[in-house]
Amino acid sequence: MVEGCAVARMVHYTNAEGECAAAVITKVWKKETGTVNLTVFRDSHTARGEMTEIKTSVEWSHLSKRGAWHWPERA
């Protein structure tokens, strides 16, 4: 089980290019695997001119694995 996995928690999402972005959990599908839906916040516009992206069924990884989310590193 992924401890602390809950709606409205801030996390990091790593995209296909390996870039990390802030995201918020919007739905928890499976706490056991950390599978969630995310709203990802970008620092620049997407191809469609949006500053956010919706990602569905994103799995948790303790590493910065592409296409997965992870807890933010401690500052």
C-alpha atoms as a PDB file:
ATOM      1  CA  MET A   1       0.000   0.000   0.000  1.00  0.00           C
ATOM      2  CA  VAL A   2       1.235   3.500  -0.815  1.00  0.00           C
ATOM      3  CA  GLU A   3       1.019   5.416   2.465  1.00  0.00           C
ATOM      4  CA  GLY A   4      -0.548   8.882   2.273  1.00  0.00           C
ATOM      5  CA  CYS A   5      -2.055   8.339  -1.171  1.00  0.00           C
ATOM      6  CA  ALA A   6      -5.204  10.512  -1.081  1.00  0.00           C
ATOM      7  CA  VAL A   7      -7.168  13.030  -3.132  1.00  0.00           C
ATOM      8  CA  ALA A   8      -5.737  16.582  -3.036  1.00  0.00           C
ATOM      9  CA  ARG A   9      -2.167  15.481  -2.144  1.00  0.00           C
ATOM     10  CA  MET A  10       0.594  17.250  -4.065  1.00  0.00           C
ATOM     11  CA  VAL A  11       3.023  14.932  -5.857  1.00  0.00           C
ATOM     12  CA  HIS A  12       5.585  14.991  -8.674  1.00  0.00           C
ATOM     13  CA  TYR A  13       4.892  13.517 -12.121  1.00  0.00           C
ATOM     14  CA  THR A  14       7.713  12.567 -14.516  1.00  0.00           C
ATOM     15  CA  ASN A  15       6.735  12.898 -18.174  1.00  0.00           C
ATOM     16  CA  ALA A  16       7.987  10.914 -21.196  1.00  0.00           C
ATOM     17  CA  GLU A  17      10.893  13.352 -21.654  1.00  0.00           C
ATOM     18  CA  GLY A  18      12.032  12.798 -18.066  1.00  0.00           C
ATOM     19  CA  GLU A  19      10.911  16.239 -16.859  1.00  0.00           C
ATOM     20  CA  CYS A  20       9.376  16.463 -13.400  1.00  0.00           C
ATOM     21  CA  ALA A  21       6.269  18.595 -12.779  1.00  0.00           C
ATOM     22  CA  ALA A  22       4.007  19.376  -9.839  1.00  0.00           C
ATOM     23  CA  ALA A  23       0.699  17.499  -9.798  1.00  0.00           C
ATOM     24  CA  VAL A  24      -2.292  16.944  -7.539  1.00  0.00           C
ATOM     25  CA  ILE A  25      -4.064  13.611  -7.020  1.00  0.00           C
ATOM     26  CA  THR A  26      -7.681  13.894  -8.213  1.00  0.00           C
ATOM     27  CA  LYS A  27      -8.792  10.250  -7.832  1.00  0.00           C
ATOM     28  CA  VAL A  28      -7.310   7.206  -6.144  1.00  0.00           C
ATOM     29  CA  TRP A  29      -7.967   3.990  -8.063  1.00  0.00           C
ATOM     30  CA  LYS A  30      -5.836   1.518  -6.087  1.00  0.00           C
ATOM     31  CA  LYS A  31      -4.123   2.433  -2.825  1.00  0.00           C
ATOM     32  CA  GLU A  32      -2.265  -0.886  -2.913  1.00  0.00           C
ATOM     33  CA  THR A  33      -0.320   0.106  -6.057  1.00  0.00           C
ATOM     34  CA  GLY A  34      -0.700   3.894  -5.857  1.00  0.00           C
ATOM     35  CA  THR A  35      -2.664   4.078  -9.117  1.00  0.00           C
ATOM     36  CA  VAL A  36      -4.247   7.533  -9.359  1.00  0.00           C
ATOM     37  CA  ASN A  37      -5.558  10.235 -11.680  1.00  0.00           C
ATOM     38  CA  LEU A  38      -3.551  13.466 -11.683  1.00  0.00           C
ATOM     39  CA  THR A  39      -3.833  17.066 -12.755  1.00  0.00           C
ATOM     40  CA  VAL A  40      -0.308  18.014 -13.813  1.00  0.00           C
ATOM     41  CA  PHE A  41       0.807  21.660 -13.685  1.00  0.00           C
ATOM     42  CA  ARG A  42       3.203  22.757 -16.428  1.00  0.00           C
ATOM     43  CA  ASP A  43       5.525  25.766 -16.423  1.00  0.00           C
ATOM     44  CA  SER A  44       4.747  26.311 -20.112  1.00  0.00           C
ATOM     45  CA  HIS A  45       1.765  25.729 -22.373  1.00  0.00           C
ATOM     46  CA  THR A  46       1.012  22.324 -23.881  1.00  0.00           C
ATOM     47  CA  ALA A  47       0.587  21.899 -27.643  1.00  0.00           C
ATOM     48  CA  ARG A  48      -3.085  22.830 -27.145  1.00  0.00           C
ATOM     49  CA  GLY A  49      -2.185  25.983 -25.216  1.00  0.00           C
ATOM     50  CA  GLU A  50      -3.120  24.597 -21.775  1.00  0.00           C
ATOM     51  CA  MET A  51      -1.149  24.982 -18.550  1.00  0.00           C
ATOM     52  CA  THR A  52      -2.502  21.736 -17.044  1.00  0.00           C
ATOM     53  CA  GLU A  53      -2.813  18.150 -18.241  1.00  0.00           C
ATOM     54  CA  ILE A  54      -5.041  15.349 -16.993  1.00  0.00           C
ATOM     55  CA  LYS A  55      -3.297  11.994 -16.575  1.00  0.00           C
ATOM     56  CA  THR A  56      -5.327   8.875 -15.792  1.00  0.00           C
ATOM     57  CA  SER A  57      -4.344   5.588 -14.138  1.00  0.00           C
ATOM     58  CA  VAL A  58      -0.834   6.774 -13.297  1.00  0.00           C
ATOM     59  CA  GLU A  59       1.184   4.352 -11.184  1.00  0.00           C
ATOM     60  CA  TRP A  60       3.436   5.265  -8.259  1.00  0.00           C
ATOM     61  CA  SER A  61       7.173   4.676  -8.355  1.00  0.00           C
ATOM     62  CA  HIS A  62       9.715   5.318  -5.617  1.00  0.00           C
ATOM     63  CA  LEU A  63      12.038   6.460  -8.420  1.00  0.00           C
ATOM     64  CA  SER A  64      11.551   9.277 -10.928  1.00  0.00           C
ATOM     65  CA  LYS A  65      10.304   6.770 -13.515  1.00  0.00           C
ATOM     66  CA  ARG A  66       8.878   8.233 -16.738  1.00  0.00           C
ATOM     67  CA  GLY A  67       5.092   8.211 -16.818  1.00  0.00           C
ATOM     68  CA  ALA A  68       4.813   7.656 -13.061  1.00  0.00           C
ATOM     69  CA  TRP A  69       4.319   9.826  -9.989  1.00  0.00           C
ATOM     70  CA  HIS A  70       6.416  10.000  -6.832  1.00  0.00           C
ATOM     71  CA  TRP A  71       6.474  11.916  -3.582  1.00  0.00           C
ATOM     72  CA  PRO A  72       8.327  15.254  -3.706  1.00  0.00           C
ATOM     73  CA  GLU A  73      11.876  15.167  -2.417  1.00  0.00           C
ATOM     74  CA  ARG A  74      12.396  16.825   0.944  1.00  0.00           C
ATOM     75  CA  ALA A  75      13.651  20.393   0.637  1.00  0.00           C
END
